[in-house]
Structure formats: C-alpha cells, structure tokens
Amino acid sequence: MNNRFMRLLVFFDLPMTTSTDVRNYSRFHKFLLKNGFIMLQKSVYSKLVINNMTSAAVRKKVRQNVPKQGVITLLEITENQFSSMEYLIGDAPQLVLDSMDRIVEI
C-alpha cells in the first residue's frame, strides 16, 4: 500500500459513573461511527485517510467533539504500519474490504 495513506487511531477511556457520563460516551461513540471510524476494540477506533490535509481535517473534527472528561488519545500512523499489526489471539475483523483495488463505475 502507498505510504500517503494513513490511519488515524482514537483510543479513549471515558467515565461511566453517572447518566451524563453514559450520554457523553454514547455521543462520542456515535460521532466516531458517523464519521467513518471503525471499531477495532471496545475503546479503539480507526479511520483511513488519504493525505495530510484530510488527516488534519478529521483530527480537528475529533478535537471539537471530545467530551469534557476522560482520556482520549489520537495517533496517526501510515497504512503500511497499520497493515503490519499482528493479532496474537483471535481473528482480524473482516468489516472492511482490505484491498488497494479501486472500483470505478461508468
């Protein structure tokens, strides 16, 4: 895969003690899904971005939607680094077609 493709990873640990906390968690979770992130684990989400400009725009949007409490970490890695991830137990999720082939409709 070309190095210009990158992955944004969002790791978060949000409090879940009050109903407000649960509502904030739910809003953030729905925001991530609505904006093209896929869940890798319960509090780890990933999104493929095509260049630095797209990455900056997505990072800005995430920053604007973070809850006031909790810990949220945003990490940008190349697609090559992401594809070398090793699953030590369990199988890799097959939610997304992992291919460089492009579909062109005429």
N, C-alpha and C. Protein backbone atom coordinates (compact mmCIF):
# COMPACT_ATOMS: atom_id res chain seq x y z
N MET A 1 0.83 -1.17 0.00
CA MET A 1 0.00 0.00 0.00
C MET A 1 0.89 1.25 0.00
N ASN A 2 0.43 2.28 -0.62
CA ASN A 2 1.18 3.52 -0.73
C ASN A 2 1.30 4.22 0.62
N ASN A 3 2.45 4.84 0.91
CA ASN A 3 2.67 5.50 2.19
C ASN A 3 1.85 6.76 2.38
N ARG A 4 1.24 7.29 1.35
CA ARG A 4 0.45 8.51 1.53
C ARG A 4 -0.85 8.21 2.28
N PHE A 5 -1.30 6.96 2.24
CA PHE A 5 -2.47 6.58 3.02
C PHE A 5 -2.05 6.44 4.48
N MET A 6 -2.90 6.95 5.36
CA MET A 6 -2.60 6.90 6.78
C MET A 6 -3.82 6.40 7.54
N ARG A 7 -3.60 6.00 8.75
CA ARG A 7 -4.68 5.61 9.65
C ARG A 7 -4.65 6.54 10.85
N LEU A 8 -5.82 6.99 11.23
CA LEU A 8 -5.97 7.71 12.49
C LEU A 8 -6.55 6.71 13.48
N LEU A 9 -5.91 6.60 14.62
CA LEU A 9 -6.39 5.73 15.68
C LEU A 9 -6.84 6.60 16.84
N VAL A 10 -8.02 6.32 17.36
CA VAL A 10 -8.53 7.02 18.52
C VAL A 10 -8.66 6.00 19.65
N PHE A 11 -7.98 6.28 20.75
CA PHE A 11 -8.06 5.47 21.95
C PHE A 11 -8.76 6.32 23.01
N PHE A 12 -9.74 5.76 23.70
CA PHE A 12 -10.36 6.57 24.73
C PHE A 12 -10.78 5.77 25.94
N ASP A 13 -10.78 6.45 27.07
CA ASP A 13 -11.22 5.90 28.34
C ASP A 13 -12.10 6.97 28.97
N LEU A 14 -13.40 6.78 28.89
CA LEU A 14 -14.34 7.78 29.38
C LEU A 14 -15.04 7.27 30.64
N PRO A 15 -15.32 8.17 31.58
CA PRO A 15 -16.03 7.74 32.78
C PRO A 15 -17.45 7.28 32.45
N MET A 16 -17.95 6.34 33.24
CA MET A 16 -19.30 5.80 33.02
C MET A 16 -20.04 5.69 34.36
N THR A 17 -19.86 6.68 35.24
CA THR A 17 -20.46 6.59 36.57
C THR A 17 -21.83 7.23 36.68
N THR A 18 -22.05 8.30 35.94
CA THR A 18 -23.35 8.99 36.00
C THR A 18 -24.07 8.87 34.67
N SER A 19 -25.34 9.23 34.67
CA SER A 19 -26.10 9.19 33.41
C SER A 19 -25.54 10.19 32.40
N THR A 20 -25.00 11.29 32.87
CA THR A 20 -24.36 12.26 31.97
C THR A 20 -23.12 11.66 31.33
N ASP A 21 -22.33 10.92 32.12
CA ASP A 21 -21.15 10.25 31.58
C ASP A 21 -21.53 9.26 30.49
N VAL A 22 -22.57 8.47 30.75
CA VAL A 22 -23.02 7.48 29.77
C VAL A 22 -23.50 8.17 28.50
N ARG A 23 -24.21 9.28 28.65
CA ARG A 23 -24.70 10.04 27.49
C ARG A 23 -23.51 10.60 26.69
N ASN A 24 -22.51 11.13 27.39
CA ASN A 24 -21.32 11.66 26.70
C ASN A 24 -20.57 10.56 25.96
N TYR A 25 -20.43 9.39 26.58
CA TYR A 25 -19.80 8.24 25.93
C TYR A 25 -20.56 7.87 24.66
N SER A 26 -21.88 7.77 24.80
CA SER A 26 -22.73 7.39 23.66
C SER A 26 -22.61 8.39 22.52
N ARG A 27 -22.61 9.67 22.84
CA ARG A 27 -22.48 10.70 21.81
C ARG A 27 -21.14 10.60 21.08
N PHE A 28 -20.06 10.39 21.84
CA PHE A 28 -18.74 10.31 21.23
C PHE A 28 -18.64 9.05 20.36
N HIS A 29 -19.13 7.94 20.86
CA HIS A 29 -19.14 6.68 20.11
C HIS A 29 -19.91 6.85 18.79
N LYS A 30 -21.09 7.45 18.84
CA LYS A 30 -21.89 7.67 17.63
C LYS A 30 -21.21 8.65 16.68
N PHE A 31 -20.55 9.67 17.23
CA PHE A 31 -19.80 10.61 16.40
C PHE A 31 -18.72 9.89 15.60
N LEU A 32 -17.97 9.02 16.28
CA LEU A 32 -16.90 8.28 15.59
C LEU A 32 -17.46 7.41 14.47
N LEU A 33 -18.53 6.67 14.75
CA LEU A 33 -19.12 5.80 13.73
C LEU A 33 -19.67 6.61 12.56
N LYS A 34 -20.35 7.71 12.87
CA LYS A 34 -20.94 8.57 11.82
C LYS A 34 -19.87 9.17 10.91
N ASN A 35 -18.67 9.35 11.46
CA ASN A 35 -17.58 9.98 10.70
C ASN A 35 -16.59 8.98 10.13
N GLY A 36 -17.02 7.73 9.98
CA GLY A 36 -16.23 6.76 9.24
C GLY A 36 -15.21 5.97 10.02
N PHE A 37 -15.20 6.08 11.33
CA PHE A 37 -14.28 5.28 12.13
C PHE A 37 -14.86 3.88 12.30
N ILE A 38 -13.99 2.89 12.35
CA ILE A 38 -14.43 1.52 12.61
C ILE A 38 -13.83 1.07 13.95
N MET A 39 -14.59 0.26 14.66
CA MET A 39 -14.15 -0.19 15.97
C MET A 39 -13.17 -1.35 15.81
N LEU A 40 -11.98 -1.20 16.40
CA LEU A 40 -11.01 -2.28 16.44
C LEU A 40 -11.17 -3.07 17.74
N GLN A 41 -11.38 -2.35 18.81
CA GLN A 41 -11.68 -2.91 20.12
C GLN A 41 -12.66 -1.96 20.78
N LYS A 42 -13.11 -2.31 21.99
CA LYS A 42 -14.16 -1.54 22.63
C LYS A 42 -13.91 -0.03 22.66
N SER A 43 -12.72 0.39 22.96
CA SER A 43 -12.42 1.83 23.02
C SER A 43 -11.28 2.22 22.09
N VAL A 44 -11.13 1.50 20.98
CA VAL A 44 -10.10 1.79 19.98
C VAL A 44 -10.77 1.82 18.61
N TYR A 45 -10.67 2.97 17.94
CA TYR A 45 -11.31 3.14 16.63
C TYR A 45 -10.26 3.57 15.62
N SER A 46 -10.51 3.24 14.35
CA SER A 46 -9.57 3.52 13.28
C SER A 46 -10.30 4.12 12.08
N LYS A 47 -9.60 5.02 11.38
CA LYS A 47 -10.15 5.60 10.15
C LYS A 47 -9.02 5.75 9.14
N LEU A 48 -9.27 5.35 7.90
CA LEU A 48 -8.33 5.51 6.81
C LEU A 48 -8.47 6.92 6.25
N VAL A 49 -7.35 7.62 6.10
CA VAL A 49 -7.34 8.94 5.47
C VAL A 49 -6.35 8.92 4.32
N ILE A 50 -6.61 9.73 3.30
CA ILE A 50 -5.81 9.62 2.08
C ILE A 50 -4.60 10.55 2.01
N ASN A 51 -4.60 11.62 2.82
CA ASN A 51 -3.46 12.53 2.77
C ASN A 51 -3.42 13.38 4.04
N ASN A 52 -2.40 14.24 4.15
CA ASN A 52 -2.22 15.07 5.35
C ASN A 52 -3.35 16.07 5.55
N MET A 53 -3.88 16.60 4.46
CA MET A 53 -4.98 17.57 4.59
C MET A 53 -6.23 16.91 5.16
N THR A 54 -6.56 15.74 4.67
CA THR A 54 -7.71 15.01 5.18
C THR A 54 -7.50 14.64 6.64
N SER A 55 -6.29 14.20 6.95
CA SER A 55 -5.97 13.84 8.32
C SER A 55 -6.15 15.02 9.27
N ALA A 56 -5.66 16.18 8.86
CA ALA A 56 -5.78 17.38 9.69
C ALA A 56 -7.25 17.75 9.91
N ALA A 57 -8.06 17.63 8.87
CA ALA A 57 -9.48 17.96 8.99
C ALA A 57 -10.19 16.99 9.94
N VAL A 58 -9.88 15.72 9.84
CA VAL A 58 -10.51 14.72 10.71
C VAL A 58 -10.05 14.93 12.15
N ARG A 59 -8.75 15.17 12.36
CA ARG A 59 -8.25 15.41 13.71
C ARG A 59 -8.92 16.63 14.34
N LYS A 60 -9.10 17.68 13.55
CA LYS A 60 -9.77 18.88 14.06
C LYS A 60 -11.21 18.57 14.47
N LYS A 61 -11.90 17.79 13.65
CA LYS A 61 -13.29 17.43 13.94
C LYS A 61 -13.39 16.58 15.21
N VAL A 62 -12.44 15.66 15.39
CA VAL A 62 -12.43 14.85 16.61
C VAL A 62 -12.21 15.75 17.82
N ARG A 63 -11.25 16.66 17.73
CA ARG A 63 -10.96 17.58 18.84
C ARG A 63 -12.20 18.40 19.23
N GLN A 64 -13.00 18.77 18.24
CA GLN A 64 -14.19 19.58 18.51
C GLN A 64 -15.30 18.78 19.16
N ASN A 65 -15.22 17.45 19.13
CA ASN A 65 -16.30 16.62 19.64
C ASN A 65 -15.92 15.76 20.84
N VAL A 66 -14.80 16.03 21.46
CA VAL A 66 -14.41 15.23 22.62
C VAL A 66 -15.22 15.64 23.85
N PRO A 67 -15.58 14.68 24.69
CA PRO A 67 -16.25 15.01 25.94
C PRO A 67 -15.30 15.76 26.87
N LYS A 68 -15.86 16.43 27.86
CA LYS A 68 -15.06 17.25 28.77
C LYS A 68 -14.21 16.42 29.73
N GLN A 69 -14.66 15.20 30.05
CA GLN A 69 -13.91 14.35 30.98
C GLN A 69 -13.45 13.08 30.29
N GLY A 70 -12.42 12.47 30.86
CA GLY A 70 -11.90 11.23 30.30
C GLY A 70 -10.57 11.46 29.63
N VAL A 71 -10.05 10.39 29.05
CA VAL A 71 -8.76 10.44 28.35
C VAL A 71 -8.98 9.99 26.92
N ILE A 72 -8.60 10.83 25.97
CA ILE A 72 -8.74 10.49 24.56
C ILE A 72 -7.39 10.75 23.89
N THR A 73 -6.90 9.74 23.18
CA THR A 73 -5.61 9.82 22.51
C THR A 73 -5.82 9.62 21.02
N LEU A 74 -5.17 10.45 20.23
CA LEU A 74 -5.27 10.38 18.78
C LEU A 74 -3.88 10.09 18.23
N LEU A 75 -3.75 9.05 17.40
CA LEU A 75 -2.47 8.64 16.85
C LEU A 75 -2.59 8.48 15.34
N GLU A 76 -1.63 9.03 14.60
CA GLU A 76 -1.60 8.89 13.15
C GLU A 76 -0.42 7.98 12.77
N ILE A 77 -0.72 6.94 12.00
CA ILE A 77 0.32 6.03 11.52
C ILE A 77 0.11 5.80 10.03
N THR A 78 1.13 5.31 9.36
CA THR A 78 0.99 5.01 7.94
C THR A 78 0.16 3.74 7.77
N GLU A 79 -0.40 3.58 6.60
CA GLU A 79 -1.18 2.38 6.32
C GLU A 79 -0.29 1.14 6.34
N ASN A 80 0.98 1.30 5.94
CA ASN A 80 1.92 0.17 6.00
C ASN A 80 2.15 -0.27 7.44
N GLN A 81 2.29 0.68 8.35
CA GLN A 81 2.45 0.33 9.76
C GLN A 81 1.20 -0.35 10.28
N PHE A 82 0.04 0.17 9.92
CA PHE A 82 -1.22 -0.40 10.37
C PHE A 82 -1.39 -1.83 9.86
N SER A 83 -1.04 -2.06 8.59
CA SER A 83 -1.23 -3.38 8.00
C SER A 83 -0.27 -4.42 8.58
N SER A 84 0.79 -3.97 9.26
CA SER A 84 1.70 -4.93 9.87
C SER A 84 1.29 -5.29 11.29
N MET A 85 0.10 -4.85 11.71
CA MET A 85 -0.40 -5.18 13.04
C MET A 85 -0.54 -6.70 13.15
N GLU A 86 -0.11 -7.23 14.27
CA GLU A 86 -0.14 -8.68 14.46
C GLU A 86 -1.20 -9.03 15.50
N TYR A 87 -2.12 -9.91 15.13
CA TYR A 87 -3.14 -10.38 16.05
C TYR A 87 -2.59 -11.60 16.78
N LEU A 88 -2.43 -11.51 18.08
CA LEU A 88 -1.84 -12.58 18.85
C LEU A 88 -2.88 -13.64 19.25
N ILE A 89 -4.10 -13.23 19.38
CA ILE A 89 -5.17 -14.17 19.68
C ILE A 89 -6.43 -13.65 19.01
N GLY A 90 -7.25 -14.54 18.51
CA GLY A 90 -8.45 -14.12 17.80
C GLY A 90 -8.13 -13.84 16.34
N ASP A 91 -9.16 -13.47 15.61
CA ASP A 91 -9.02 -13.20 14.18
C ASP A 91 -9.21 -11.71 13.91
N ALA A 92 -8.58 -11.24 12.87
CA ALA A 92 -8.77 -9.85 12.44
C ALA A 92 -10.21 -9.67 11.99
N PRO A 93 -10.85 -8.58 12.41
CA PRO A 93 -12.23 -8.34 11.96
C PRO A 93 -12.29 -8.13 10.45
N GLN A 94 -13.32 -8.64 9.82
CA GLN A 94 -13.47 -8.53 8.36
C GLN A 94 -14.61 -7.58 8.01
N LEU A 95 -14.68 -6.44 8.69
CA LEU A 95 -15.75 -5.48 8.45
C LEU A 95 -15.52 -4.66 7.19
N VAL A 96 -14.26 -4.54 6.77
CA VAL A 96 -13.91 -3.68 5.65
C VAL A 96 -13.05 -4.47 4.68
N LEU A 97 -13.32 -4.31 3.40
CA LEU A 97 -12.50 -4.93 2.37
C LEU A 97 -11.12 -4.30 2.42
N ASP A 98 -10.10 -5.11 2.60
CA ASP A 98 -8.73 -4.62 2.71
C ASP A 98 -8.02 -4.85 1.39
N SER A 99 -8.12 -3.88 0.49
CA SER A 99 -7.56 -4.04 -0.84
C SER A 99 -7.22 -2.69 -1.42
N MET A 100 -6.23 -2.66 -2.28
CA MET A 100 -5.86 -1.43 -2.98
C MET A 100 -6.61 -1.28 -4.29
N ASP A 101 -7.38 -2.28 -4.66
CA ASP A 101 -8.14 -2.22 -5.91
C ASP A 101 -9.20 -1.12 -5.80
N ARG A 102 -9.34 -0.37 -6.84
CA ARG A 102 -10.34 0.69 -6.87
C ARG A 102 -11.51 0.24 -7.72
N ILE A 103 -12.68 0.60 -7.31
CA ILE A 103 -13.89 0.28 -8.07
C ILE A 103 -14.29 1.55 -8.80
N VAL A 104 -14.36 1.46 -10.11
CA VAL A 104 -14.73 2.61 -10.92
C VAL A 104 -16.02 2.26 -11.67
N GLU A 105 -17.04 3.05 -11.40
CA GLU A 105 -18.32 2.82 -12.07
C GLU A 105 -18.44 3.79 -13.24
N ILE A 106 -18.93 3.29 -14.34
CA ILE A 106 -19.07 4.12 -15.54
C ILE A 106 -20.54 4.34 -15.81
